[in-house]
Structure formats: structure tokens, C-alpha cells
Amino acid sequence: MNNNVKATLMVMATAIATGALAQQPAVKIGVIAEFSGPFADYGTQIVNGMKTYLKLHGDTFGGRKVEFIQRDTTGAAPTSPSASHRSS
């Protein structure tokens, strides 16, 4: 194999590998807090603080985009465990 063919194959392999890395799924971070009721401000502040931190550090975690999944406990203790089992 001549050097031109080898170089072309290496460029194609690098392009394929780079494309595969760019298509990694997002990191999902679940936040279960009170987003309604008398303590709704606390839940909102928690999520806004997390988003601000990520914005200051490039909106990525480990090179992957971050997606937040929020669940509202509505302030009732029995709803908290079931909120973690709902799909996004």
C-alpha cells in the first residue's frame, strides 16, 4: 500500500471516530425537589445554581452535554420515591 492510500485511510478512520464521539448521549441529571407549593423557590434555586455552574464550566460534563430532568415532590413526602421511578 502506498503512503497516499495509508494517509487517506487514517483520515477516514479519524473522521469516523470523531463523529462517533460527537454523537454520545447526554448526561442526565435528575433533580427531585419541590417546584410547587410553599417551598417552590428552593427547588428553583437548586436547579438554577446547577445550571449556572455548568454554564460557567462549558455546559458539559466529561465532554458530554448535560440534560436536567426535574420532578416535583409537591411537598408531600409519599410522592418523592415515586417521582424517581417515572421515565423522562
N, C-alpha and C. Protein backbone atom coordinates (compact mmCIF):
# COMPACT_ATOMS: atom_id res chain seq x y z
N MET A 1 0.84 -1.17 0.00
CA MET A 1 0.00 0.00 0.00
C MET A 1 0.89 1.24 0.00
N ASN A 2 0.59 2.18 -0.88
CA ASN A 2 1.44 3.37 -0.90
C ASN A 2 1.02 4.34 0.21
N ASN A 3 1.84 5.34 0.43
CA ASN A 3 1.63 6.28 1.53
C ASN A 3 0.35 7.10 1.38
N ASN A 4 -0.05 7.42 0.16
CA ASN A 4 -1.28 8.20 -0.06
C ASN A 4 -2.51 7.41 0.40
N VAL A 5 -2.54 6.13 0.08
CA VAL A 5 -3.67 5.29 0.48
C VAL A 5 -3.70 5.16 2.01
N LYS A 6 -2.54 4.95 2.62
CA LYS A 6 -2.47 4.84 4.07
C LYS A 6 -2.95 6.13 4.74
N ALA A 7 -2.50 7.26 4.22
CA ALA A 7 -2.90 8.55 4.78
C ALA A 7 -4.41 8.76 4.64
N THR A 8 -4.96 8.40 3.50
CA THR A 8 -6.40 8.55 3.28
C THR A 8 -7.19 7.67 4.25
N LEU A 9 -6.75 6.44 4.44
CA LEU A 9 -7.43 5.55 5.37
C LEU A 9 -7.36 6.07 6.81
N MET A 10 -6.21 6.63 7.17
CA MET A 10 -6.08 7.18 8.52
C MET A 10 -7.00 8.38 8.73
N VAL A 11 -7.11 9.24 7.73
CA VAL A 11 -8.01 10.40 7.83
C VAL A 11 -9.46 9.94 7.93
N MET A 12 -9.84 8.93 7.15
CA MET A 12 -11.22 8.42 7.20
C MET A 12 -11.51 7.79 8.57
N ALA A 13 -10.58 7.04 9.11
CA ALA A 13 -10.77 6.41 10.42
C ALA A 13 -10.90 7.47 11.51
N THR A 14 -10.10 8.52 11.43
CA THR A 14 -10.18 9.60 12.42
C THR A 14 -11.52 10.32 12.32
N ALA A 15 -12.00 10.56 11.10
CA ALA A 15 -13.29 11.23 10.91
C ALA A 15 -14.43 10.39 11.46
N ILE A 16 -14.37 9.10 11.24
CA ILE A 16 -15.42 8.21 11.76
C ILE A 16 -15.39 8.18 13.28
N ALA A 17 -14.21 8.10 13.87
CA ALA A 17 -14.09 8.07 15.32
C ALA A 17 -14.55 9.38 15.93
N THR A 18 -14.21 10.51 15.32
CA THR A 18 -14.63 11.81 15.83
C THR A 18 -16.14 11.94 15.75
N GLY A 19 -16.74 11.48 14.68
CA GLY A 19 -18.20 11.53 14.54
C GLY A 19 -18.89 10.68 15.59
N ALA A 20 -18.32 9.54 15.92
CA ALA A 20 -18.90 8.67 16.93
C ALA A 20 -18.84 9.32 18.31
N LEU A 21 -17.76 10.01 18.61
CA LEU A 21 -17.65 10.69 19.90
C LEU A 21 -18.61 11.86 20.00
N ALA A 22 -18.85 12.54 18.90
CA ALA A 22 -19.75 13.70 18.93
C ALA A 22 -21.20 13.29 19.14
N GLN A 23 -21.54 12.05 18.89
CA GLN A 23 -22.92 11.60 19.00
C GLN A 23 -23.21 10.89 20.32
N GLN A 24 -22.36 11.06 21.32
CA GLN A 24 -22.60 10.43 22.60
C GLN A 24 -23.86 11.01 23.23
N PRO A 25 -24.61 10.20 23.94
CA PRO A 25 -25.82 10.71 24.59
C PRO A 25 -25.48 11.68 25.71
N ALA A 26 -26.44 12.50 26.04
CA ALA A 26 -26.25 13.50 27.09
C ALA A 26 -26.19 12.83 28.46
N VAL A 27 -25.50 13.48 29.38
CA VAL A 27 -25.50 13.06 30.77
C VAL A 27 -26.81 13.58 31.37
N LYS A 28 -27.59 12.69 31.95
CA LYS A 28 -28.86 13.10 32.54
C LYS A 28 -28.70 13.22 34.05
N ILE A 29 -29.08 14.39 34.56
CA ILE A 29 -29.03 14.64 35.99
C ILE A 29 -30.46 14.85 36.47
N GLY A 30 -30.90 14.00 37.38
CA GLY A 30 -32.25 14.10 37.92
C GLY A 30 -32.28 14.95 39.17
N VAL A 31 -33.27 15.84 39.23
CA VAL A 31 -33.45 16.70 40.39
C VAL A 31 -34.87 16.49 40.89
N ILE A 32 -34.98 15.91 42.09
CA ILE A 32 -36.28 15.73 42.72
C ILE A 32 -36.36 16.71 43.86
N ALA A 33 -37.21 17.71 43.69
CA ALA A 33 -37.34 18.77 44.69
C ALA A 33 -38.76 19.33 44.60
N GLU A 34 -39.04 20.26 45.48
CA GLU A 34 -40.36 20.89 45.48
C GLU A 34 -40.33 22.07 44.51
N PHE A 35 -41.10 21.96 43.43
CA PHE A 35 -41.20 23.02 42.44
C PHE A 35 -42.57 23.69 42.47
N SER A 36 -43.41 23.27 43.39
CA SER A 36 -44.71 23.91 43.60
C SER A 36 -44.96 23.93 45.11
N GLY A 37 -45.85 24.77 45.53
CA GLY A 37 -46.13 24.85 46.96
C GLY A 37 -45.28 25.90 47.64
N PRO A 38 -45.27 25.89 48.96
CA PRO A 38 -44.60 26.96 49.71
C PRO A 38 -43.07 26.97 49.60
N PHE A 39 -42.47 25.87 49.23
CA PHE A 39 -41.01 25.81 49.12
C PHE A 39 -40.52 25.72 47.68
N ALA A 40 -41.34 26.14 46.74
CA ALA A 40 -41.00 26.05 45.32
C ALA A 40 -39.75 26.85 44.98
N ASP A 41 -39.55 27.96 45.68
CA ASP A 41 -38.36 28.78 45.40
C ASP A 41 -37.06 28.00 45.63
N TYR A 42 -37.05 27.13 46.62
CA TYR A 42 -35.84 26.35 46.91
C TYR A 42 -35.50 25.39 45.77
N GLY A 43 -36.50 24.72 45.25
CA GLY A 43 -36.26 23.81 44.12
C GLY A 43 -35.74 24.55 42.90
N THR A 44 -36.34 25.71 42.64
CA THR A 44 -35.91 26.52 41.50
C THR A 44 -34.48 27.01 41.70
N GLN A 45 -34.14 27.42 42.92
CA GLN A 45 -32.79 27.89 43.20
C GLN A 45 -31.75 26.77 43.04
N ILE A 46 -32.13 25.57 43.43
CA ILE A 46 -31.21 24.43 43.29
C ILE A 46 -30.88 24.19 41.82
N VAL A 47 -31.92 24.12 40.99
CA VAL A 47 -31.70 23.87 39.56
C VAL A 47 -30.96 25.02 38.91
N ASN A 48 -31.34 26.26 39.24
CA ASN A 48 -30.65 27.41 38.65
C ASN A 48 -29.18 27.45 39.06
N GLY A 49 -28.87 27.07 40.28
CA GLY A 49 -27.48 27.00 40.73
C GLY A 49 -26.69 25.97 39.95
N MET A 50 -27.30 24.81 39.71
CA MET A 50 -26.62 23.76 38.94
C MET A 50 -26.38 24.21 37.50
N LYS A 51 -27.39 24.85 36.91
CA LYS A 51 -27.26 25.33 35.52
C LYS A 51 -26.21 26.43 35.42
N THR A 52 -26.16 27.30 36.42
CA THR A 52 -25.16 28.38 36.41
C THR A 52 -23.76 27.80 36.50
N TYR A 53 -23.56 26.81 37.36
CA TYR A 53 -22.25 26.17 37.49
C TYR A 53 -21.83 25.58 36.14
N LEU A 54 -22.74 24.87 35.49
CA LEU A 54 -22.40 24.25 34.21
C LEU A 54 -22.11 25.30 33.15
N LYS A 55 -22.88 26.39 33.14
CA LYS A 55 -22.66 27.44 32.17
C LYS A 55 -21.26 28.06 32.34
N LEU A 56 -20.85 28.22 33.60
CA LEU A 56 -19.52 28.78 33.87
C LEU A 56 -18.40 27.81 33.50
N HIS A 57 -18.72 26.52 33.38
CA HIS A 57 -17.70 25.50 33.10
C HIS A 57 -17.94 24.80 31.76
N GLY A 58 -18.59 25.49 30.82
CA GLY A 58 -18.69 24.98 29.45
C GLY A 58 -19.92 24.15 29.12
N ASP A 59 -20.93 24.10 29.95
CA ASP A 59 -22.17 23.36 29.68
C ASP A 59 -21.97 21.88 29.37
N THR A 60 -20.84 21.33 29.79
CA THR A 60 -20.60 19.91 29.55
C THR A 60 -20.07 19.26 30.82
N PHE A 61 -20.21 17.96 30.86
CA PHE A 61 -19.67 17.16 31.95
C PHE A 61 -18.98 15.97 31.31
N GLY A 62 -17.68 15.88 31.46
CA GLY A 62 -16.93 14.80 30.83
C GLY A 62 -16.99 14.86 29.32
N GLY A 63 -17.12 16.08 28.77
CA GLY A 63 -17.18 16.24 27.33
C GLY A 63 -18.55 15.95 26.74
N ARG A 64 -19.53 15.70 27.56
CA ARG A 64 -20.88 15.38 27.08
C ARG A 64 -21.86 16.45 27.56
N LYS A 65 -22.84 16.73 26.74
CA LYS A 65 -23.88 17.71 27.07
C LYS A 65 -24.68 17.21 28.27
N VAL A 66 -25.15 18.15 29.09
CA VAL A 66 -25.89 17.80 30.30
C VAL A 66 -27.38 18.11 30.09
N GLU A 67 -28.21 17.18 30.49
CA GLU A 67 -29.67 17.34 30.42
C GLU A 67 -30.24 17.17 31.82
N PHE A 68 -31.05 18.14 32.26
CA PHE A 68 -31.67 18.06 33.57
C PHE A 68 -33.07 17.47 33.45
N ILE A 69 -33.38 16.57 34.37
CA ILE A 69 -34.73 16.01 34.46
C ILE A 69 -35.28 16.43 35.82
N GLN A 70 -36.34 17.22 35.81
CA GLN A 70 -36.90 17.73 37.05
C GLN A 70 -38.18 16.98 37.40
N ARG A 71 -38.31 16.65 38.67
CA ARG A 71 -39.54 16.03 39.19
C ARG A 71 -39.97 16.81 40.43
N ASP A 72 -41.25 17.09 40.50
CA ASP A 72 -41.81 17.87 41.60
C ASP A 72 -42.34 16.93 42.68
N THR A 73 -41.91 17.18 43.92
CA THR A 73 -42.42 16.36 45.03
C THR A 73 -43.76 16.89 45.54
N THR A 74 -44.13 18.08 45.14
CA THR A 74 -45.35 18.79 45.58
C THR A 74 -45.39 18.95 47.09
N GLY A 75 -44.28 18.75 47.76
CA GLY A 75 -44.21 18.94 49.21
C GLY A 75 -44.73 17.77 50.01
N ALA A 76 -45.27 16.77 49.35
CA ALA A 76 -45.81 15.61 50.05
C ALA A 76 -44.76 14.50 50.06
N ALA A 77 -44.39 14.03 51.23
CA ALA A 77 -43.35 13.01 51.36
C ALA A 77 -43.62 11.75 50.55
N PRO A 78 -44.86 11.23 50.51
CA PRO A 78 -45.08 9.98 49.76
C PRO A 78 -44.83 10.09 48.25
N THR A 79 -44.82 11.30 47.68
CA THR A 79 -44.62 11.41 46.23
C THR A 79 -43.15 11.36 45.84
N SER A 80 -42.24 11.61 46.75
CA SER A 80 -40.82 11.66 46.41
C SER A 80 -40.27 10.36 45.85
N PRO A 81 -40.50 9.20 46.48
CA PRO A 81 -39.97 7.96 45.91
C PRO A 81 -40.55 7.63 44.54
N SER A 82 -41.84 7.88 44.34
CA SER A 82 -42.44 7.54 43.05
C SER A 82 -41.94 8.49 41.95
N ALA A 83 -41.53 9.71 42.30
CA ALA A 83 -41.02 10.64 41.30
C ALA A 83 -39.74 10.13 40.68
N SER A 84 -38.95 9.39 41.41
CA SER A 84 -37.69 8.87 40.88
C SER A 84 -37.88 7.71 39.93
N HIS A 85 -39.05 7.13 39.90
CA HIS A 85 -39.30 5.97 39.04
C HIS A 85 -39.98 6.32 37.74
N ARG A 86 -40.43 7.56 37.58
CA ARG A 86 -41.08 7.96 36.33
C ARG A 86 -40.04 8.14 35.25
N SER A 87 -40.38 7.73 34.04
CA SER A 87 -39.43 7.87 32.93
C SER A 87 -39.50 9.30 32.39
N SER A 88 -38.44 9.70 31.68
CA SER A 88 -38.38 11.06 31.14
C SER A 88 -39.15 11.20 29.86
